[in-house]
Protein backbone atom coordinates (compact mmCIF):
# COMPACT_ATOMS: atom_id res chain seq x y z
CA UNK A 1 -0.02 0.08 -0.02
CA UNK A 2 1.55 3.43 -0.94
CA UNK A 3 1.99 6.21 1.57
CA UNK A 4 0.87 9.53 0.32
CA UNK A 5 2.85 11.28 2.93
CA UNK A 6 5.87 13.45 1.59
CA UNK A 7 8.94 11.99 3.39
CA UNK A 8 11.66 14.86 4.13
CA UNK A 9 14.87 13.02 5.07
CA UNK A 10 16.91 15.48 7.17
CA UNK A 11 16.62 17.83 10.14
CA UNK A 12 18.39 20.95 8.72
CA UNK A 13 17.17 24.13 7.24
CA UNK A 14 16.06 22.96 3.72
CA UNK A 15 14.04 20.01 5.42
CA UNK A 16 12.44 22.35 7.71
CA UNK A 17 11.50 24.92 4.97
CA UNK A 18 10.06 22.43 2.68
CA UNK A 19 8.15 20.91 5.55
CA UNK A 20 6.69 24.27 6.39
CA UNK A 21 5.85 25.07 2.60
CA UNK A 22 4.20 21.76 1.97
CA UNK A 23 2.26 21.60 5.19
CA UNK A 24 0.88 25.12 4.83
CA UNK A 25 -0.84 23.89 1.60
CA UNK A 26 -2.40 20.95 3.34
CA UNK A 27 -0.01 18.21 2.24
CA UNK A 28 0.94 15.58 4.69
CA UNK A 29 4.53 15.58 5.78
CA UNK A 30 6.86 13.29 7.77
CA UNK A 31 10.43 14.12 8.69
CA UNK A 32 13.03 11.30 8.98
CA UNK A 33 16.10 12.13 11.15
CA UNK A 34 18.31 11.67 14.21
CA UNK A 35 18.17 14.95 16.04
CA UNK A 36 16.06 14.10 19.17
CA UNK A 37 15.43 17.71 20.21
CA UNK A 38 13.95 18.43 16.72
CA UNK A 39 11.95 15.32 16.47
CA UNK A 40 10.32 16.05 19.88
CA UNK A 41 9.75 19.89 18.94
CA UNK A 42 7.97 19.01 15.63
CA UNK A 43 5.75 16.12 16.89
CA UNK A 44 4.67 18.52 19.75
CA UNK A 45 4.50 22.02 17.88
CA UNK A 46 4.78 21.57 14.09
CA UNK A 47 7.56 23.36 12.22
CA UNK A 48 7.92 26.91 13.32
CA UNK A 49 8.08 29.11 10.02
CA UNK A 50 9.22 32.76 10.02
CA UNK A 51 8.71 34.47 6.66
CA UNK A 52 10.58 37.28 5.32
CA UNK A 53 8.56 39.87 6.75
CA UNK A 54 9.03 38.43 10.20
CA UNK A 55 5.65 36.85 10.63
CA UNK A 56 5.65 33.46 12.52
CA UNK A 57 3.51 30.49 12.13
CA UNK A 58 3.33 26.73 12.93
CA UNK A 59 2.39 23.99 10.43
CA UNK A 60 1.56 20.36 11.51
CA UNK A 61 4.57 17.94 10.76
CA UNK A 62 5.11 14.46 11.90
CA UNK A 63 8.84 13.49 12.85
CA UNK A 64 10.57 10.19 13.72
CA UNK A 65 13.96 8.52 13.82
CA UNK A 66 12.40 5.10 12.94
CA UNK A 67 12.31 4.24 9.24
CA UNK A 68 9.52 1.58 10.11
CA UNK A 69 7.11 4.70 10.52
CA UNK A 70 7.69 5.58 6.94
CA UNK A 71 6.99 2.25 5.16
CA UNK A 72 5.37 2.57 1.87
CA UNK A 73 6.34 6.06 1.01
CA UNK A 74 6.06 6.96 -2.47
CA UNK A 75 8.06 10.21 -2.42
CA UNK A 76 11.20 10.97 -0.47
CA UNK A 77 13.09 14.30 -0.65
CA UNK A 78 16.52 13.68 0.48
CA UNK A 79 18.23 16.83 2.41
CA UNK A 80 20.83 15.54 4.56
CA UNK A 81 24.43 16.49 4.59
CA UNK A 82 26.45 14.64 1.88
CA UNK A 83 28.31 12.73 4.27
CA UNK A 84 24.85 11.25 5.59
CA UNK A 85 23.62 10.20 2.03
CA UNK A 86 24.80 6.59 2.24
CA UNK A 87 23.13 6.04 5.53
CA UNK A 88 19.80 7.72 4.19
CA UNK A 89 20.01 5.52 1.21
CA UNK A 90 20.08 2.41 3.63
CA UNK A 91 17.02 3.92 5.41
CA UNK A 92 15.15 4.61 2.13
CA UNK A 93 15.41 1.10 1.24
CA UNK A 94 13.16 0.31 3.99
CA UNK A 95 10.89 3.24 3.67
CA UNK A 96 10.23 3.40 -0.09
CA UNK A 97 7.35 1.56 -1.80
CA UNK A 98 8.42 -0.55 -4.76
CA UNK A 99 7.84 2.22 -7.21
CA UNK A 100 8.83 4.96 -4.63
CA UNK A 101 11.43 7.67 -5.64
CA UNK A 102 13.87 9.63 -3.93
CA UNK A 103 14.64 13.23 -4.97
CA UNK A 104 18.01 14.75 -4.02
CA UNK A 105 18.12 18.42 -3.60
CA UNK A 106 21.45 18.20 -1.59
CA UNK A 107 24.65 20.32 -1.88
CA UNK A 108 27.85 18.87 -3.49
CA UNK A 109 28.69 16.33 -6.03
CA UNK A 110 27.99 12.41 -5.94
CA UNK A 111 24.89 12.32 -3.81
CA UNK A 112 22.75 10.91 -6.58
CA UNK A 113 25.17 8.28 -7.37
CA UNK A 114 25.20 6.99 -3.80
CA UNK A 115 21.47 6.85 -3.79
CA UNK A 116 21.31 5.07 -7.17
CA UNK A 117 23.77 2.52 -6.01
CA UNK A 118 21.40 1.57 -3.38
CA UNK A 119 18.03 2.21 -4.96
CA UNK A 120 18.52 2.01 -8.56
CA UNK A 121 18.55 4.53 -11.29
CA UNK A 122 14.70 4.37 -12.03
CA UNK A 123 13.96 5.39 -8.36
CA UNK A 124 16.38 8.53 -8.08
CA UNK A 125 15.83 11.90 -9.47
CA UNK A 126 18.36 14.54 -9.19
CA UNK A 127 17.79 18.24 -8.56
CA UNK A 128 18.70 21.47 -7.21
CA UNK A 129 17.00 24.15 -5.42
CA UNK A 130 17.82 27.98 -4.88
CA UNK A 131 15.28 28.31 -2.12
CA UNK A 132 16.95 30.07 0.80
CA UNK A 133 16.38 29.06 4.43
CA UNK A 134 18.34 29.50 7.92
CA UNK A 135 17.80 26.91 10.91
CA UNK A 136 17.26 29.01 13.87
CA UNK A 137 16.65 26.37 16.35
CA UNK A 138 14.93 22.93 16.69
CA UNK A 139 12.11 22.72 14.45
CA UNK A 140 12.35 26.34 13.61
CA UNK A 141 13.31 27.94 10.18
CA UNK A 142 13.49 31.41 8.85
CA UNK A 143 12.61 31.85 5.04
CA UNK A 144 15.63 33.35 3.31
CA UNK A 145 14.20 33.97 -0.15
CA UNK A 146 12.14 32.45 -3.02
CA UNK A 147 13.84 30.34 -5.34
CA UNK A 148 13.47 27.69 -8.15
CA UNK A 149 13.65 23.89 -7.76
CA UNK A 150 15.19 22.23 -10.90
CA UNK A 151 14.84 18.55 -11.43
CA UNK A 152 16.10 16.17 -14.04
CA UNK A 153 13.77 14.63 -16.66
CA UNK A 154 12.44 11.15 -15.49
CA UNK A 155 9.37 9.10 -15.69
CA UNK A 156 8.12 10.52 -12.27
CA UNK A 157 9.32 13.93 -12.88
CA UNK A 158 5.78 15.28 -13.58
CA UNK A 159 4.30 13.66 -10.32
CA UNK A 160 7.02 15.52 -8.47
CA UNK A 161 6.26 18.73 -10.34
CA UNK A 162 2.57 18.62 -9.45
CA UNK A 163 3.32 18.29 -5.86
CA UNK A 164 5.55 21.30 -5.89
CA UNK A 165 2.95 23.25 -7.85
CA UNK A 166 0.27 22.43 -5.31
CA UNK A 167 2.57 23.84 -2.71
CA UNK A 168 2.78 27.17 -4.97
CA UNK A 169 6.47 26.39 -5.39
CA UNK A 170 8.19 26.91 -8.94
CA UNK A 171 9.72 24.00 -10.19
CA UNK A 172 11.36 23.08 -13.75
CA UNK A 173 11.91 19.81 -15.39
CA UNK A 174 15.33 19.88 -17.41
CA UNK A 175 16.96 17.33 -19.68
CA UNK A 176 19.78 17.22 -16.96
CA UNK A 177 20.75 19.04 -14.00
CA UNK A 178 24.61 18.73 -14.05
CA UNK A 179 25.18 22.24 -15.21
CA UNK A 180 23.11 23.60 -12.27
CA UNK A 181 24.56 21.33 -9.86
CA UNK A 182 28.18 22.47 -10.90
CA UNK A 183 26.71 26.17 -10.91
CA UNK A 184 25.67 25.67 -7.26
CA UNK A 185 29.04 23.87 -6.59
CA UNK A 186 31.04 26.86 -7.70
CA UNK A 187 29.06 29.26 -5.46
CA UNK A 188 29.08 26.95 -2.26
CA UNK A 189 32.97 26.31 -2.92
CA UNK A 190 33.62 29.89 -3.10
CA UNK A 191 31.38 31.17 -0.20
CA UNK A 192 30.71 28.48 2.34
CA UNK A 193 34.33 27.50 3.56
CA UNK A 194 35.31 31.09 3.90
CA UNK A 195 32.49 31.92 6.08
CA UNK A 196 33.06 28.95 8.19
CA UNK A 197 36.69 29.57 8.56
CA UNK A 198 36.47 33.33 9.12
CA UNK A 199 33.15 33.18 11.12
CA UNK A 200 31.41 35.64 8.73
CA UNK A 201 28.02 36.19 7.14
CA UNK A 202 27.82 35.70 3.48
CA UNK A 203 27.73 39.25 2.66
CA UNK A 204 30.75 40.19 5.09
CA UNK A 205 32.83 38.37 2.58
CA UNK A 206 32.41 41.59 0.27
CA UNK A 207 33.54 43.88 2.73
CA UNK A 208 37.04 41.90 3.51
CA UNK A 209 39.37 42.69 0.55
CA UNK A 210 41.36 39.54 1.18
CA UNK A 211 38.20 37.44 1.66
CA UNK A 212 36.72 38.73 -1.43
CA UNK A 213 39.68 38.20 -3.56
CA UNK A 214 40.15 34.58 -2.37
CA UNK A 215 36.36 34.02 -2.97
CA UNK A 216 36.94 35.27 -6.51
CA UNK A 217 40.05 32.96 -7.08
CA UNK A 218 38.18 30.07 -5.94
CA UNK A 219 35.20 30.75 -8.16
CA UNK A 220 37.53 31.15 -11.23
CA UNK A 221 39.44 27.95 -10.41
CA UNK A 222 36.18 25.95 -9.88
CA UNK A 223 34.82 27.11 -13.25
CA UNK A 224 37.84 26.23 -15.27
CA UNK A 225 37.66 22.80 -13.67
CA UNK A 226 34.04 22.34 -14.64
CA UNK A 227 34.98 23.72 -18.07
CA UNK A 228 37.65 20.95 -18.31
CA UNK A 229 35.02 18.40 -17.34
CA UNK A 230 33.05 19.48 -20.35
CA UNK A 231 30.42 21.20 -18.03
CA UNK A 232 28.80 24.21 -19.42
CA UNK A 233 27.83 26.43 -16.27
CA UNK A 234 24.60 28.53 -16.19
CA UNK A 235 26.73 31.70 -15.91
CA UNK A 236 29.54 33.07 -17.79
CA UNK A 237 31.24 35.22 -15.03
CA UNK A 238 31.87 32.99 -11.87
CA UNK A 239 33.23 35.90 -9.91
CA UNK A 240 30.46 38.25 -10.63
CA UNK A 241 28.04 35.44 -9.88
CA UNK A 242 29.44 34.41 -6.58
CA UNK A 243 29.50 38.26 -5.46
CA UNK A 244 25.93 38.47 -6.59
CA UNK A 245 24.97 35.53 -4.44
CA UNK A 246 26.85 36.78 -1.39
CA UNK A 247 25.25 40.18 -1.74
CA UNK A 248 21.64 38.72 -2.18
CA UNK A 249 22.34 36.42 0.91
CA UNK A 250 24.30 39.16 2.91
CA UNK A 251 22.60 38.48 6.13
CA UNK A 252 22.66 34.66 5.86
CA UNK A 253 25.03 32.29 7.65
CA UNK A 254 26.05 29.51 5.29
CA UNK A 255 25.47 25.99 6.46
CA UNK A 256 29.14 25.43 6.85
CA UNK A 257 29.21 28.36 9.22
CA UNK A 258 26.42 26.59 11.20
CA UNK A 259 28.44 23.31 11.09
CA UNK A 260 31.53 25.03 12.35
CA UNK A 261 29.70 26.87 15.30
CA UNK A 262 28.28 23.50 16.27
CA UNK A 263 31.64 21.76 16.12
CA UNK A 264 30.07 19.12 13.73
CA UNK A 265 31.20 17.57 10.34
CA UNK A 266 30.94 19.72 7.21
CA UNK A 267 30.20 18.84 3.45
CA UNK A 268 33.74 20.18 2.38
CA UNK A 269 34.67 16.62 0.99
CA UNK A 270 31.57 16.80 -1.48
CA UNK A 271 32.18 20.59 -2.28
CA UNK A 272 35.98 21.82 -2.50
CA UNK A 273 37.08 18.17 -2.21
CA UNK A 274 34.69 17.23 -5.08
CA UNK A 275 36.39 20.00 -7.18
CA UNK A 276 39.72 19.06 -6.37
CA UNK A 277 39.00 15.20 -7.30
CA UNK A 278 37.82 16.29 -10.73
CA UNK A 279 40.64 18.61 -11.00
CA UNK A 280 42.96 15.63 -10.51
CA UNK A 281 41.45 13.80 -13.47
CA UNK A 282 42.45 16.58 -15.59
CA UNK A 283 45.82 17.17 -14.13
CA UNK A 284 44.64 20.50 -12.73
CA UNK A 285 46.03 21.33 -9.26
CA UNK A 286 42.98 23.13 -7.75
CA UNK A 287 45.27 24.77 -5.35
CA UNK A 288 42.76 27.37 -3.91
CA UNK A 289 40.15 24.63 -3.50
CA UNK A 290 42.65 22.34 -2.02
CA UNK A 291 43.97 24.83 0.53
CA UNK A 292 40.30 25.61 1.78
CA UNK A 293 39.59 21.77 1.75
CA UNK A 294 42.54 20.99 3.88
CA UNK A 295 41.96 24.07 6.29
CA UNK A 296 38.53 23.05 6.91
CA UNK A 297 39.49 19.39 7.44
CA UNK A 298 42.32 20.53 9.92
CA UNK A 299 39.82 22.66 11.79
CA UNK A 300 37.02 19.99 12.01
CA UNK A 301 38.77 16.83 12.55
CA UNK A 302 41.36 17.52 15.14
């Protein structure tokens, strides 16, 4: 029997945002994660949502750490950290119905490959979202800005699109999402590690001459490696693009900044580390990405 609830795998900002946006339109949502305080808050209060004007609302959401509570799910949206993808794939093997699908909207490269290795290609859809959100506490999220969700063409893509449209969320179906994934990767590689290492908001990078210059160097290097790999990025000027994103999200703290503050692991391996690994294939040293990769690892894995 198919379960029509939307399963959101993860307890971070994006999972909280989508939980609120789906639930406020009457869609049934269940969250699967391991953060006990978050699970308890969601079950007692629903997700606490603060919009861009500062208005606060609560929307009903189920939450659990037990995959058996999600058996028969037809649609799961994977929003965990990249280093948690393999574990999420194992859990989804227990949760998804036979024809169930997993949509990944995660940061970094390689998440779709991990899911496909466990679930099979017919059950995985790759995607990227530019929705903005900041987690401000257990079960509590602040909307950071309206964005677009883009997903790869798939036999179930229209089904996913209908759900997003029901929630008044903009979604597009593309022949492939590799260009957009790399575009987001270039942005994340340039902004996230610097905000974490320096303890700055996104916009602060523009006010610090040395940070701004380094951000640009990482962006150019990442874009050059993408080009060597045959990826046509969705923009032509990587420096202008990352600076524009930093400006538009000036008041936001990146996910890597939050990871640093919590003393937890980061997604650096799937972001700057991924750029370095692709660079290695094409004999490109990726010296700026490698420097940030090593600095973040040195700070978080002592």
